Every structure is written in C-alpha cells, then in structure tokens.
C-alpha cells in the first residue's frame, strides 16, 4: 500500500511540476510559431535558425529494470526503488534530470539519474519501472527514445510534501 501511495505522490508531484513549468514557458506572441509551414522556394538557402528544436542529448534504445533490483544500492548510494522516477546512465552526472520521450507514442517523463548503466551496450538509458510504465513501454520492454537534459525542478521534496498534506 505504501508503494502505491508513493507512485500516486510521484505522479501528482510530476503533474504539478509539468503544469507549472508549462505555464511558465507558455508561448508569447513574439515566439509563437505558425502551425502551417509554407514551402520554401528552392533558391532560398536554409539558415541555422530554421530549426527551433534544440539538439537532443541522445536518441537510442531505452530499457527498464524492476523487481530484481528493488532495494539494492544504486551508484548514488540510495536504494533502488522501482516506483521512483529514476534512471541509470553511463556518463551523466548523478543527480542530473533528463526528459525521456518515447518516439513511438510521444509520451515523455522526467527522470533523475541515480545509477550507472545500462549494461547492454546497445541501450542509452535504463529506466525505473514507473518511468517505463509512464512511457507505455510495452512488449519487449525496450523503446526508441530521445533524451534531453533539463534543469532540475526546484524544491521537489517541498512540492511532494505540500501535495501529500492536502
């Protein structure tokens, strides 16, 4: 029961964080991009400014790890909790936050890097069970994903405590 409560709190905290960050980054009139792209004449050369999308940190295969590792120490020293929104990455600094987007269904989740891995060299990140579940990684448990490094959320534990006290 405690784990279900933790999953619900994580989902609510993430929702509040995403809602707040989306509101703070809502487009203004000056940075609004049209939804219809007009054809570019062939005589015009594309400029570096043509792409507004930042370059991803990486694109590749993601996997997840769960029950067999639950409670065992991670590289950060904390016990692995398959219900937390965490991940293992070979080189990113422990404590880094990454936006992981499933390229098949465009669902995304923010995870905190707290472990090293994944062991298979053909994968770029190993997600916790909850993170993989939020990305709807079904079937073989692997998915093609995009990784984007993001700023750490401010006062996550305060936000979770505030939400849980309601």
N, C-alpha and C. Protein backbone atom coordinates (compact mmCIF):
# COMPACT_ATOMS: atom_id res chain seq x y z
N UNK A 1 0.82 -1.20 0.00
CA UNK A 1 0.00 0.00 0.00
C UNK A 1 0.86 1.26 0.00
N UNK A 2 1.99 1.18 0.74
CA UNK A 2 2.88 2.35 0.81
C UNK A 2 3.46 2.67 -0.57
N UNK A 3 3.77 1.63 -1.35
CA UNK A 3 4.33 1.85 -2.69
C UNK A 3 3.31 2.48 -3.62
N UNK A 4 2.06 2.07 -3.52
CA UNK A 4 1.00 2.67 -4.34
C UNK A 4 0.88 4.14 -3.99
N UNK A 5 0.93 4.45 -2.71
CA UNK A 5 0.87 5.84 -2.25
C UNK A 5 2.04 6.64 -2.82
N UNK A 6 3.24 6.03 -2.83
CA UNK A 6 4.42 6.70 -3.35
C UNK A 6 4.29 6.97 -4.84
N UNK A 7 3.75 6.00 -5.59
CA UNK A 7 3.56 6.17 -7.03
C UNK A 7 2.57 7.30 -7.29
N UNK A 8 1.49 7.34 -6.54
CA UNK A 8 0.49 8.40 -6.71
C UNK A 8 1.10 9.76 -6.39
N UNK A 9 1.87 9.84 -5.31
CA UNK A 9 2.53 11.11 -4.95
C UNK A 9 3.50 11.54 -6.03
N UNK A 10 4.27 10.60 -6.57
CA UNK A 10 5.20 10.94 -7.66
C UNK A 10 4.45 11.48 -8.86
N UNK A 11 3.37 10.82 -9.24
CA UNK A 11 2.60 11.25 -10.40
C UNK A 11 2.01 12.64 -10.17
N UNK A 12 1.48 12.90 -8.98
CA UNK A 12 0.90 14.20 -8.67
C UNK A 12 1.98 15.28 -8.65
N UNK A 13 3.13 14.96 -8.04
CA UNK A 13 4.23 15.93 -7.99
C UNK A 13 4.74 16.24 -9.39
N UNK A 14 4.88 15.21 -10.21
CA UNK A 14 5.33 15.43 -11.58
C UNK A 14 4.31 16.26 -12.34
N UNK A 15 3.03 15.96 -12.16
CA UNK A 15 1.99 16.73 -12.84
C UNK A 15 2.02 18.19 -12.44
N UNK A 16 2.21 18.45 -11.16
CA UNK A 16 2.28 19.84 -10.69
C UNK A 16 3.51 20.53 -11.26
N UNK A 17 4.63 19.82 -11.29
CA UNK A 17 5.86 20.40 -11.84
C UNK A 17 5.69 20.70 -13.32
N UNK A 18 5.16 19.75 -14.06
CA UNK A 18 4.99 19.94 -15.50
C UNK A 18 3.99 21.07 -15.77
N UNK A 19 2.89 21.10 -15.02
CA UNK A 19 1.91 22.17 -15.20
C UNK A 19 2.54 23.53 -14.93
N UNK A 20 3.31 23.61 -13.86
CA UNK A 20 3.95 24.88 -13.52
C UNK A 20 4.98 25.28 -14.55
N UNK A 21 5.78 24.32 -15.00
CA UNK A 21 6.81 24.67 -15.98
C UNK A 21 6.20 24.97 -17.33
N UNK A 22 5.09 24.30 -17.68
CA UNK A 22 4.43 24.60 -18.95
C UNK A 22 3.81 25.99 -18.92
N UNK A 23 3.24 26.36 -17.78
CA UNK A 23 2.64 27.68 -17.68
C UNK A 23 3.72 28.76 -17.75
N UNK A 24 4.86 28.47 -17.10
CA UNK A 24 5.94 29.45 -17.11
C UNK A 24 6.57 29.59 -18.49
N UNK A 25 6.48 28.54 -19.29
CA UNK A 25 7.10 28.60 -20.62
C UNK A 25 6.07 28.72 -21.73
N UNK A 26 4.86 29.18 -21.38
CA UNK A 26 3.83 29.34 -22.41
C UNK A 26 4.30 30.34 -23.45
N UNK A 27 4.01 30.07 -24.72
CA UNK A 27 4.50 30.97 -25.77
C UNK A 27 3.85 32.34 -25.69
N UNK A 28 4.64 33.34 -25.98
CA UNK A 28 4.11 34.69 -26.07
C UNK A 28 3.89 34.99 -27.54
N UNK A 29 3.31 36.14 -27.82
CA UNK A 29 3.04 36.50 -29.21
C UNK A 29 4.32 36.52 -30.03
N UNK A 30 5.42 37.00 -29.43
CA UNK A 30 6.66 37.15 -30.18
C UNK A 30 7.33 35.82 -30.52
N UNK A 31 7.10 34.75 -29.72
CA UNK A 31 7.76 33.50 -30.05
C UNK A 31 6.77 32.43 -30.53
N UNK A 32 5.59 32.83 -30.89
CA UNK A 32 4.60 31.90 -31.42
C UNK A 32 5.01 31.43 -32.80
N UNK A 33 5.01 30.13 -33.01
CA UNK A 33 5.37 29.57 -34.30
C UNK A 33 4.11 29.15 -35.04
N UNK A 34 3.99 29.46 -36.32
CA UNK A 34 2.80 29.05 -37.06
C UNK A 34 2.73 27.54 -37.17
N UNK A 35 1.51 27.01 -37.17
CA UNK A 35 1.35 25.56 -37.26
C UNK A 35 1.43 25.08 -38.70
N UNK A 36 1.24 25.96 -39.66
CA UNK A 36 1.33 25.58 -41.06
C UNK A 36 2.64 26.12 -41.61
N UNK A 37 3.44 25.23 -42.19
CA UNK A 37 4.71 25.67 -42.76
C UNK A 37 4.52 25.90 -44.24
N UNK A 38 4.96 27.05 -44.69
CA UNK A 38 4.86 27.39 -46.09
C UNK A 38 6.06 26.81 -46.83
N UNK A 39 5.89 26.41 -48.07
CA UNK A 39 7.03 25.86 -48.81
C UNK A 39 8.10 26.93 -49.00
N UNK A 40 9.36 26.52 -48.88
CA UNK A 40 10.48 27.43 -49.06
C UNK A 40 10.92 27.36 -50.51
N UNK A 41 11.04 28.52 -51.17
CA UNK A 41 11.50 28.50 -52.56
C UNK A 41 12.86 27.84 -52.65
N UNK A 42 13.11 27.11 -53.74
CA UNK A 42 14.37 26.37 -53.89
C UNK A 42 15.58 27.29 -53.97
N UNK A 43 15.38 28.54 -54.32
CA UNK A 43 16.51 29.46 -54.42
C UNK A 43 16.97 29.96 -53.06
N UNK A 44 16.14 29.74 -52.02
CA UNK A 44 16.49 30.22 -50.69
C UNK A 44 17.27 29.14 -49.96
N UNK A 45 18.41 29.52 -49.39
CA UNK A 45 19.21 28.57 -48.62
C UNK A 45 18.68 28.53 -47.19
N UNK A 46 18.59 27.32 -46.59
CA UNK A 46 18.17 27.25 -45.20
C UNK A 46 19.23 27.86 -44.29
N UNK A 47 18.78 28.49 -43.22
CA UNK A 47 19.71 29.10 -42.28
C UNK A 47 19.80 28.24 -41.04
N UNK A 48 20.76 28.54 -40.19
CA UNK A 48 20.92 27.80 -38.94
C UNK A 48 19.72 28.02 -38.04
N UNK A 49 19.00 29.10 -38.22
CA UNK A 49 17.86 29.43 -37.37
C UNK A 49 16.59 28.68 -37.80
N UNK A 50 16.64 27.93 -38.89
CA UNK A 50 15.46 27.25 -39.41
C UNK A 50 14.90 26.23 -38.43
N UNK A 51 15.73 25.62 -37.61
CA UNK A 51 15.26 24.62 -36.66
C UNK A 51 15.25 25.23 -35.26
N UNK A 52 14.06 25.33 -34.66
CA UNK A 52 13.93 25.88 -33.31
C UNK A 52 14.06 24.81 -32.25
N UNK A 53 14.03 23.55 -32.64
CA UNK A 53 14.11 22.45 -31.70
C UNK A 53 15.56 22.24 -31.28
N UNK A 54 15.83 22.24 -29.96
CA UNK A 54 17.20 22.04 -29.52
C UNK A 54 17.67 20.63 -29.86
N UNK A 55 18.97 20.49 -30.05
CA UNK A 55 19.54 19.19 -30.38
C UNK A 55 19.40 18.26 -29.18
N UNK A 56 18.94 17.03 -29.41
CA UNK A 56 18.78 16.10 -28.27
C UNK A 56 20.14 15.68 -27.72
N UNK A 57 20.15 15.30 -26.47
CA UNK A 57 21.34 14.75 -25.85
C UNK A 57 21.69 13.43 -26.54
N UNK A 58 20.68 12.60 -26.79
CA UNK A 58 20.90 11.31 -27.46
C UNK A 58 19.57 10.76 -27.94
N UNK A 59 19.65 9.90 -28.95
CA UNK A 59 18.50 9.14 -29.43
C UNK A 59 18.96 7.70 -29.53
N UNK A 60 18.17 6.78 -28.97
CA UNK A 60 18.56 5.38 -28.99
C UNK A 60 17.56 4.53 -28.24
N UNK A 61 17.98 3.32 -27.91
CA UNK A 61 17.12 2.35 -27.24
C UNK A 61 17.17 2.52 -25.72
N UNK A 62 16.00 2.48 -25.09
CA UNK A 62 15.89 2.51 -23.63
C UNK A 62 15.33 1.17 -23.17
N UNK A 63 15.71 0.78 -21.97
CA UNK A 63 15.14 -0.41 -21.35
C UNK A 63 14.76 -0.02 -19.92
N UNK A 64 14.23 -0.98 -19.17
CA UNK A 64 13.89 -0.68 -17.78
C UNK A 64 14.31 -1.84 -16.88
N UNK A 65 14.48 -1.52 -15.61
CA UNK A 65 14.80 -2.56 -14.64
C UNK A 65 13.86 -2.42 -13.45
N UNK A 66 13.52 -3.56 -12.84
CA UNK A 66 12.48 -3.54 -11.83
C UNK A 66 12.74 -4.39 -10.61
N UNK A 67 11.84 -5.32 -10.37
CA UNK A 67 11.75 -6.06 -9.11
C UNK A 67 13.06 -6.72 -8.67
N UNK A 68 13.82 -7.29 -9.60
CA UNK A 68 15.06 -7.99 -9.23
C UNK A 68 16.07 -7.04 -8.57
N UNK A 69 15.99 -5.75 -8.86
CA UNK A 69 16.94 -4.78 -8.31
C UNK A 69 16.35 -3.93 -7.19
N UNK A 70 15.05 -4.05 -6.95
CA UNK A 70 14.37 -3.21 -5.96
C UNK A 70 15.02 -3.34 -4.59
N UNK A 71 15.40 -2.21 -4.00
CA UNK A 71 16.00 -2.18 -2.67
C UNK A 71 17.52 -2.28 -2.68
N UNK A 72 18.11 -2.67 -3.81
CA UNK A 72 19.57 -2.79 -3.88
C UNK A 72 20.19 -1.40 -4.07
N UNK A 73 21.43 -1.21 -3.59
CA UNK A 73 22.05 0.12 -3.69
C UNK A 73 22.32 0.52 -5.15
N UNK A 74 22.12 1.80 -5.43
CA UNK A 74 22.44 2.35 -6.74
C UNK A 74 23.83 3.00 -6.66
N UNK A 75 24.32 3.49 -7.78
CA UNK A 75 25.63 4.15 -7.81
C UNK A 75 25.65 5.41 -6.93
N UNK A 76 24.48 6.02 -6.73
CA UNK A 76 24.41 7.22 -5.89
C UNK A 76 24.42 6.88 -4.40
N UNK A 77 24.26 5.59 -4.08
CA UNK A 77 24.24 5.17 -2.68
C UNK A 77 22.83 4.96 -2.15
N UNK A 78 21.84 5.52 -2.81
CA UNK A 78 20.47 5.33 -2.34
C UNK A 78 19.94 3.97 -2.83
N UNK A 79 19.00 3.37 -2.11
CA UNK A 79 18.45 2.10 -2.57
C UNK A 79 17.57 2.32 -3.81
N UNK A 80 17.65 1.39 -4.75
CA UNK A 80 16.82 1.49 -5.95
C UNK A 80 15.37 1.26 -5.56
N UNK A 81 14.50 2.12 -6.03
CA UNK A 81 13.06 2.00 -5.81
C UNK A 81 12.40 2.01 -7.18
N UNK A 82 11.86 0.88 -7.59
CA UNK A 82 11.28 0.76 -8.92
C UNK A 82 10.08 1.66 -9.14
N UNK A 83 9.55 2.24 -8.06
CA UNK A 83 8.38 3.13 -8.17
C UNK A 83 8.75 4.61 -8.21
N UNK A 84 10.04 4.92 -8.11
CA UNK A 84 10.51 6.31 -8.25
C UNK A 84 10.76 6.60 -9.73
N UNK A 85 10.79 7.87 -10.10
CA UNK A 85 11.08 8.27 -11.48
C UNK A 85 12.58 8.52 -11.60
N UNK A 86 13.33 7.42 -11.74
CA UNK A 86 14.78 7.48 -11.80
C UNK A 86 15.28 6.69 -13.00
N UNK A 87 16.59 6.79 -13.25
CA UNK A 87 17.18 6.07 -14.38
C UNK A 87 18.67 5.88 -14.17
N UNK A 88 19.22 4.94 -14.96
CA UNK A 88 20.65 4.69 -14.98
C UNK A 88 21.21 5.15 -16.32
N UNK A 89 22.34 5.88 -16.26
CA UNK A 89 23.00 6.35 -17.47
C UNK A 89 24.50 6.19 -17.27
N UNK A 90 25.22 5.87 -18.33
CA UNK A 90 26.65 5.58 -18.21
C UNK A 90 27.49 6.79 -17.82
N UNK A 91 27.18 7.97 -18.36
CA UNK A 91 28.10 9.11 -18.19
C UNK A 91 27.51 10.36 -17.56
N UNK A 92 26.21 10.52 -17.57
CA UNK A 92 25.63 11.74 -16.99
C UNK A 92 25.90 11.81 -15.50
N UNK A 93 26.09 13.02 -15.02
CA UNK A 93 26.34 13.25 -13.60
C UNK A 93 25.16 12.73 -12.77
N UNK A 94 25.47 12.04 -11.69
CA UNK A 94 24.41 11.56 -10.79
C UNK A 94 23.67 12.79 -10.26
N UNK A 95 22.35 12.71 -10.25
CA UNK A 95 21.51 13.84 -9.84
C UNK A 95 21.01 14.66 -11.01
N UNK A 96 21.52 14.41 -12.22
CA UNK A 96 21.04 15.11 -13.42
C UNK A 96 19.59 14.73 -13.70
N UNK A 97 18.88 15.64 -14.34
CA UNK A 97 17.48 15.38 -14.73
C UNK A 97 17.41 15.30 -16.25
N UNK A 98 16.68 14.32 -16.74
CA UNK A 98 16.57 14.07 -18.17
C UNK A 98 15.10 13.91 -18.54
N UNK A 99 14.72 14.56 -19.64
CA UNK A 99 13.40 14.34 -20.22
C UNK A 99 13.57 13.19 -21.21
N UNK A 100 12.81 12.12 -21.00
CA UNK A 100 12.88 10.94 -21.86
C UNK A 100 11.56 10.89 -22.64
N UNK A 101 11.65 10.92 -23.98
CA UNK A 101 10.47 10.89 -24.84
C UNK A 101 10.45 9.59 -25.63
N UNK A 102 9.35 8.86 -25.53
CA UNK A 102 9.15 7.65 -26.32
C UNK A 102 8.81 8.11 -27.73
N UNK A 103 9.65 7.80 -28.71
CA UNK A 103 9.46 8.30 -30.06
C UNK A 103 8.32 7.61 -30.81
N UNK A 104 7.84 6.48 -30.30
CA UNK A 104 6.72 5.79 -30.94
C UNK A 104 5.39 6.48 -30.61
N UNK A 105 5.21 6.86 -29.32
CA UNK A 105 3.91 7.43 -28.92
C UNK A 105 4.02 8.87 -28.41
N UNK A 106 5.21 9.44 -28.36
CA UNK A 106 5.49 10.83 -27.96
C UNK A 106 5.16 11.11 -26.49
N UNK A 107 4.98 10.08 -25.68
CA UNK A 107 4.83 10.28 -24.24
C UNK A 107 6.21 10.56 -23.67
N UNK A 108 6.27 11.41 -22.63
CA UNK A 108 7.56 11.73 -22.04
C UNK A 108 7.46 11.77 -20.53
N UNK A 109 8.62 11.66 -19.89
CA UNK A 109 8.70 11.67 -18.44
C UNK A 109 10.04 12.29 -18.04
N UNK A 110 10.06 12.96 -16.90
CA UNK A 110 11.30 13.49 -16.34
C UNK A 110 11.83 12.50 -15.32
N UNK A 111 13.10 12.14 -15.46
CA UNK A 111 13.73 11.19 -14.53
C UNK A 111 15.01 11.79 -13.98
N UNK A 112 15.36 11.33 -12.78
CA UNK A 112 16.61 11.75 -12.14
C UNK A 112 17.60 10.61 -12.28
N UNK A 113 18.82 10.92 -12.72
CA UNK A 113 19.86 9.92 -12.87
C UNK A 113 20.44 9.61 -11.49
N UNK A 114 20.30 8.35 -11.05
CA UNK A 114 20.83 7.97 -9.74
C UNK A 114 21.64 6.68 -9.80
N UNK A 115 21.88 6.16 -11.02
CA UNK A 115 22.58 4.89 -11.13
C UNK A 115 23.40 4.87 -12.42
N UNK A 116 24.27 3.89 -12.54
CA UNK A 116 25.08 3.69 -13.73
C UNK A 116 24.54 2.51 -14.51
N UNK A 117 24.67 2.57 -15.80
CA UNK A 117 24.17 1.52 -16.68
C UNK A 117 23.67 2.20 -17.92
N UNK A 118 22.96 1.57 -18.76
CA UNK A 118 22.59 0.15 -18.73
C UNK A 118 23.76 -0.73 -19.15
N UNK A 119 23.69 -1.99 -18.77
CA UNK A 119 24.75 -2.93 -19.10
C UNK A 119 24.79 -3.24 -20.60
N UNK A 120 23.65 -3.51 -21.26
CA UNK A 120 23.73 -3.77 -22.71
C UNK A 120 24.23 -2.52 -23.44
N UNK A 121 25.26 -2.67 -24.25
CA UNK A 121 25.89 -1.52 -24.90
C UNK A 121 25.03 -0.91 -26.00
N UNK A 122 23.98 -1.63 -26.44
CA UNK A 122 23.12 -1.08 -27.49
C UNK A 122 22.00 -0.20 -26.93
N UNK A 123 22.01 0.05 -25.62
CA UNK A 123 20.98 0.89 -25.00
C UNK A 123 21.62 2.13 -24.39
N UNK A 124 20.85 3.25 -24.38
CA UNK A 124 21.42 4.51 -23.90
C UNK A 124 20.97 4.89 -22.49
N UNK A 125 19.87 4.27 -22.01
CA UNK A 125 19.37 4.59 -20.68
C UNK A 125 18.58 3.39 -20.17
N UNK A 126 18.59 3.21 -18.86
CA UNK A 126 17.83 2.16 -18.20
C UNK A 126 16.89 2.85 -17.22
N UNK A 127 15.60 2.73 -17.43
CA UNK A 127 14.59 3.44 -16.66
C UNK A 127 14.05 2.61 -15.51
N UNK A 128 13.55 3.28 -14.49
CA UNK A 128 12.83 2.57 -13.43
C UNK A 128 11.52 2.05 -14.00
N UNK A 129 10.93 1.11 -13.29
CA UNK A 129 9.65 0.53 -13.72
C UNK A 129 8.60 1.62 -13.92
N UNK A 130 8.48 2.54 -12.95
CA UNK A 130 7.45 3.60 -13.05
C UNK A 130 7.67 4.50 -14.25
N UNK A 131 8.92 4.87 -14.52
CA UNK A 131 9.21 5.72 -15.68
C UNK A 131 8.85 5.00 -16.97
N UNK A 132 9.21 3.73 -17.07
CA UNK A 132 8.88 2.94 -18.26
C UNK A 132 7.37 2.79 -18.41
N UNK A 133 6.69 2.61 -17.30
CA UNK A 133 5.23 2.49 -17.33
C UNK A 133 4.58 3.79 -17.83
N UNK A 134 5.10 4.93 -17.38
CA UNK A 134 4.55 6.21 -17.83
C UNK A 134 4.79 6.44 -19.33
N UNK A 135 5.88 5.86 -19.86
CA UNK A 135 6.16 5.97 -21.29
C UNK A 135 5.41 4.93 -22.11
N UNK A 136 4.70 4.05 -21.42
CA UNK A 136 3.94 2.99 -22.07
C UNK A 136 4.85 2.09 -22.91
N UNK A 137 5.97 1.69 -22.29
CA UNK A 137 6.91 0.79 -22.96
C UNK A 137 6.40 -0.64 -22.81
N UNK A 138 5.67 -1.09 -23.78
CA UNK A 138 5.10 -2.44 -23.70
C UNK A 138 5.89 -3.40 -24.57
N UNK A 139 5.45 -4.62 -24.62
CA UNK A 139 6.11 -5.62 -25.46
C UNK A 139 7.39 -6.11 -24.84
N UNK A 140 8.51 -5.95 -25.53
CA UNK A 140 9.80 -6.46 -25.06
C UNK A 140 10.41 -5.61 -23.95
N UNK A 141 9.83 -4.47 -23.63
CA UNK A 141 10.36 -3.62 -22.57
C UNK A 141 11.46 -2.70 -23.03
N UNK A 142 11.59 -2.51 -24.32
CA UNK A 142 12.55 -1.54 -24.84
C UNK A 142 11.82 -0.63 -25.81
N UNK A 143 12.32 0.58 -25.95
CA UNK A 143 11.69 1.55 -26.84
C UNK A 143 12.74 2.52 -27.35
N UNK A 144 12.51 3.06 -28.53
CA UNK A 144 13.38 4.10 -29.07
C UNK A 144 12.98 5.41 -28.41
N UNK A 145 13.95 6.10 -27.81
CA UNK A 145 13.67 7.31 -27.05
C UNK A 145 14.61 8.43 -27.45
N UNK A 146 14.19 9.62 -27.08
CA UNK A 146 15.00 10.83 -27.20
C UNK A 146 15.29 11.31 -25.79
N UNK A 147 16.55 11.67 -25.52
CA UNK A 147 16.94 12.21 -24.22
C UNK A 147 17.28 13.68 -24.36
N UNK A 148 16.71 14.48 -23.46
CA UNK A 148 17.03 15.91 -23.40
C UNK A 148 17.38 16.25 -21.96
N UNK A 149 18.53 16.86 -21.77
CA UNK A 149 18.95 17.29 -20.44
C UNK A 149 18.10 18.49 -20.04
N UNK A 150 17.57 18.49 -18.82
CA UNK A 150 16.73 19.59 -18.34
C UNK A 150 17.27 20.09 -17.00
N UNK A 151 16.85 21.29 -16.65
CA UNK A 151 17.22 21.85 -15.34
C UNK A 151 16.50 21.08 -14.25
N UNK A 152 17.14 20.92 -13.10
CA UNK A 152 16.46 20.21 -12.01
C UNK A 152 15.24 21.00 -11.54
N UNK A 153 14.16 20.29 -11.21
CA UNK A 153 13.00 21.00 -10.68
C UNK A 153 13.35 21.64 -9.34
N UNK A 154 12.74 22.75 -9.05
CA UNK A 154 13.01 23.44 -7.80
C UNK A 154 12.17 22.85 -6.68
N UNK A 155 12.84 22.57 -5.56
CA UNK A 155 12.17 22.16 -4.33
C UNK A 155 11.20 21.00 -4.56
N UNK A 156 11.66 19.91 -5.14
CA UNK A 156 10.79 18.77 -5.42
C UNK A 156 10.22 18.19 -4.14
N UNK A 157 11.04 18.02 -3.11
CA UNK A 157 10.53 17.40 -1.89
C UNK A 157 9.49 18.29 -1.22
N UNK A 158 9.68 19.61 -1.26
CA UNK A 158 8.68 20.51 -0.70
C UNK A 158 7.38 20.39 -1.46
N UNK A 159 7.47 20.28 -2.78
CA UNK A 159 6.27 20.17 -3.60
C UNK A 159 5.53 18.87 -3.27
N UNK A 160 6.28 17.76 -3.14
CA UNK A 160 5.64 16.48 -2.82
C UNK A 160 5.01 16.54 -1.42
N UNK A 161 5.70 17.20 -0.48
CA UNK A 161 5.15 17.30 0.87
C UNK A 161 3.89 18.16 0.86
N UNK A 162 3.90 19.23 0.13
CA UNK A 162 2.76 20.12 0.04
C UNK A 162 1.55 19.38 -0.54
N UNK A 163 1.78 18.64 -1.60
CA UNK A 163 0.70 17.91 -2.24
C UNK A 163 0.17 16.82 -1.35
N UNK A 164 1.08 16.11 -0.63
CA UNK A 164 0.63 15.00 0.20
C UNK A 164 -0.12 15.48 1.43
N UNK A 165 0.05 16.72 1.84
CA UNK A 165 -0.62 17.21 3.04
C UNK A 165 -2.04 17.70 2.77
N UNK A 166 -2.44 17.74 1.52
CA UNK A 166 -3.79 18.21 1.19
C UNK A 166 -4.83 17.18 1.46
